[in-house]
């Protein structure tokens, strides 16, 4: 157990900044989605990468109980607007 107010260890700093960089990347992908839409080739490549090469066709169920989306694009916009970047289908 660490004492309150003491600095993080080297490993803890790496973990802390790793998570910040990941969230920053996710918010950047959301900005691309917002600016260019789901039909943009770059956005589609990101969606394909997230889904092992195929963008799922709707309807989409997510980890959020009782939540359904008509398609992956709508699901992705939902994650972006709520800043819930790491919710999965």
C-alpha atoms as a PDB file:
ATOM      1  CA  UNK A   1       0.000   0.000   0.000  1.00  0.00           C
ATOM      2  CA  UNK A   2       1.299   3.424  -0.965  1.00  0.00           C
ATOM      3  CA  UNK A   3       1.151   6.396   1.389  1.00  0.00           C
ATOM      4  CA  UNK A   4      -1.239   9.141   0.351  1.00  0.00           C
ATOM      5  CA  UNK A   5       0.554  11.980  -1.412  1.00  0.00           C
ATOM      6  CA  UNK A   6       3.587   9.948  -2.459  1.00  0.00           C
ATOM      7  CA  UNK A   7       4.539   9.868  -6.152  1.00  0.00           C
ATOM      8  CA  UNK A   8       3.726   6.903  -8.353  1.00  0.00           C
ATOM      9  CA  UNK A   9       6.381   4.284  -8.994  1.00  0.00           C
ATOM     10  CA  UNK A  10       7.926   4.078 -12.476  1.00  0.00           C
ATOM     11  CA  UNK A  11       5.597   1.210 -13.378  1.00  0.00           C
ATOM     12  CA  UNK A  12       2.569   3.082 -12.043  1.00  0.00           C
ATOM     13  CA  UNK A  13       3.508   6.152 -14.130  1.00  0.00           C
ATOM     14  CA  UNK A  14       3.793   4.037 -17.264  1.00  0.00           C
ATOM     15  CA  UNK A  15       0.344   2.547 -16.620  1.00  0.00           C
ATOM     16  CA  UNK A  16      -1.149   5.953 -15.825  1.00  0.00           C
ATOM     17  CA  UNK A  17       0.116   7.577 -19.024  1.00  0.00           C
ATOM     18  CA  UNK A  18      -0.652   4.500 -21.144  1.00  0.00           C
ATOM     19  CA  UNK A  19      -4.334   4.825 -20.258  1.00  0.00           C
ATOM     20  CA  UNK A  20      -4.302   8.571 -21.010  1.00  0.00           C
ATOM     21  CA  UNK A  21      -2.775   7.994 -24.450  1.00  0.00           C
ATOM     22  CA  UNK A  22      -5.379   5.319 -25.212  1.00  0.00           C
ATOM     23  CA  UNK A  23      -8.282   7.616 -24.298  1.00  0.00           C
ATOM     24  CA  UNK A  24      -6.700  10.377 -26.382  1.00  0.00           C
ATOM     25  CA  UNK A  25      -6.524   8.058 -29.384  1.00  0.00           C
ATOM     26  CA  UNK A  26     -10.146   7.055 -28.916  1.00  0.00           C
ATOM     27  CA  UNK A  27     -11.267  10.677 -28.728  1.00  0.00           C
ATOM     28  CA  UNK A  28      -9.278  11.407 -31.912  1.00  0.00           C
ATOM     29  CA  UNK A  29     -11.069   8.568 -33.712  1.00  0.00           C
ATOM     30  CA  UNK A  30     -14.375  10.047 -32.494  1.00  0.00           C
ATOM     31  CA  UNK A  31     -13.408  13.438 -33.863  1.00  0.00           C
ATOM     32  CA  UNK A  32     -12.697  11.855 -37.266  1.00  0.00           C
ATOM     33  CA  UNK A  33     -16.083  10.130 -37.129  1.00  0.00           C
ATOM     34  CA  UNK A  34     -17.813  13.393 -36.249  1.00  0.00           C
ATOM     35  CA  UNK A  35     -16.035  15.375 -38.978  1.00  0.00           C
ATOM     36  CA  UNK A  36     -16.244  12.864 -41.826  1.00  0.00           C
ATOM     37  CA  UNK A  37     -19.033  10.420 -40.960  1.00  0.00           C
ATOM     38  CA  UNK A  38     -19.139   6.649 -41.054  1.00  0.00           C
ATOM     39  CA  UNK A  39     -18.828   6.422 -44.835  1.00  0.00           C
ATOM     40  CA  UNK A  40     -15.339   7.933 -44.804  1.00  0.00           C
ATOM     41  CA  UNK A  41     -12.755   5.290 -45.859  1.00  0.00           C
ATOM     42  CA  UNK A  42     -10.496   6.013 -42.864  1.00  0.00           C
ATOM     43  CA  UNK A  43     -13.388   5.727 -40.406  1.00  0.00           C
ATOM     44  CA  UNK A  44     -14.509   2.508 -42.094  1.00  0.00           C
ATOM     45  CA  UNK A  45     -10.986   1.068 -41.773  1.00  0.00           C
ATOM     46  CA  UNK A  46     -11.035   1.871 -38.052  1.00  0.00           C
ATOM     47  CA  UNK A  47     -14.437   0.180 -37.719  1.00  0.00           C
ATOM     48  CA  UNK A  48     -13.208  -2.862 -39.634  1.00  0.00           C
ATOM     49  CA  UNK A  49     -10.085  -3.048 -37.481  1.00  0.00           C
ATOM     50  CA  UNK A  50     -12.214  -2.970 -34.333  1.00  0.00           C
ATOM     51  CA  UNK A  51     -14.357  -5.815 -35.675  1.00  0.00           C
ATOM     52  CA  UNK A  52     -11.765  -8.202 -37.129  1.00  0.00           C
ATOM     53  CA  UNK A  53     -12.148  -6.980 -40.700  1.00  0.00           C
ATOM     54  CA  UNK A  54     -15.927  -6.681 -41.084  1.00  0.00           C
ATOM     55  CA  UNK A  55     -18.220  -3.855 -39.978  1.00  0.00           C
ATOM     56  CA  UNK A  56     -21.212  -5.529 -38.288  1.00  0.00           C
ATOM     57  CA  UNK A  57     -24.582  -4.929 -39.869  1.00  0.00           C
ATOM     58  CA  UNK A  58     -27.374  -3.910 -37.520  1.00  0.00           C
ATOM     59  CA  UNK A  59     -28.985  -4.236 -35.150  1.00  0.00           C
ATOM     60  CA  UNK A  60     -26.147  -3.972 -32.657  1.00  0.00           C
ATOM     61  CA  UNK A  61     -26.262  -5.119 -29.035  1.00  0.00           C
ATOM     62  CA  UNK A  62     -23.683  -3.725 -26.626  1.00  0.00           C
ATOM     63  CA  UNK A  63     -22.324  -4.368 -23.157  1.00  0.00           C
ATOM     64  CA  UNK A  64     -24.903  -1.848 -21.928  1.00  0.00           C
ATOM     65  CA  UNK A  65     -27.846  -3.935 -20.731  1.00  0.00           C
ATOM     66  CA  UNK A  66     -31.009  -3.472 -22.792  1.00  0.00           C
ATOM     67  CA  UNK A  67     -29.331  -1.187 -25.319  1.00  0.00           C
ATOM     68  CA  UNK A  68     -29.731  -1.826 -29.050  1.00  0.00           C
ATOM     69  CA  UNK A  69     -28.560   0.266 -31.974  1.00  0.00           C
ATOM     70  CA  UNK A  70     -29.757   0.091 -35.599  1.00  0.00           C
ATOM     71  CA  UNK A  71     -26.182  -0.171 -36.913  1.00  0.00           C
ATOM     72  CA  UNK A  72     -22.530   0.023 -35.917  1.00  0.00           C
ATOM     73  CA  UNK A  73     -22.297   3.679 -36.946  1.00  0.00           C
ATOM     74  CA  UNK A  74     -25.044   4.678 -34.513  1.00  0.00           C
ATOM     75  CA  UNK A  75     -23.409   2.613 -31.785  1.00  0.00           C
ATOM     76  CA  UNK A  76     -20.047   4.288 -32.411  1.00  0.00           C
ATOM     77  CA  UNK A  77     -21.570   7.771 -32.349  1.00  0.00           C
ATOM     78  CA  UNK A  78     -23.259   6.878 -29.051  1.00  0.00           C
ATOM     79  CA  UNK A  79     -19.931   5.847 -27.532  1.00  0.00           C
ATOM     80  CA  UNK A  80     -18.309   9.043 -28.769  1.00  0.00           C
ATOM     81  CA  UNK A  81     -20.997  11.422 -27.535  1.00  0.00           C
ATOM     82  CA  UNK A  82     -21.034   9.767 -24.104  1.00  0.00           C
ATOM     83  CA  UNK A  83     -17.208   9.463 -23.990  1.00  0.00           C
ATOM     84  CA  UNK A  84     -17.671   5.755 -23.250  1.00  0.00           C
ATOM     85  CA  UNK A  85     -14.926   4.824 -25.698  1.00  0.00           C
ATOM     86  CA  UNK A  86     -14.308   1.265 -24.623  1.00  0.00           C
ATOM     87  CA  UNK A  87     -17.836  -0.191 -24.553  1.00  0.00           C
ATOM     88  CA  UNK A  88     -17.963  -3.262 -26.795  1.00  0.00           C
ATOM     89  CA  UNK A  89     -20.636  -4.791 -28.977  1.00  0.00           C
END
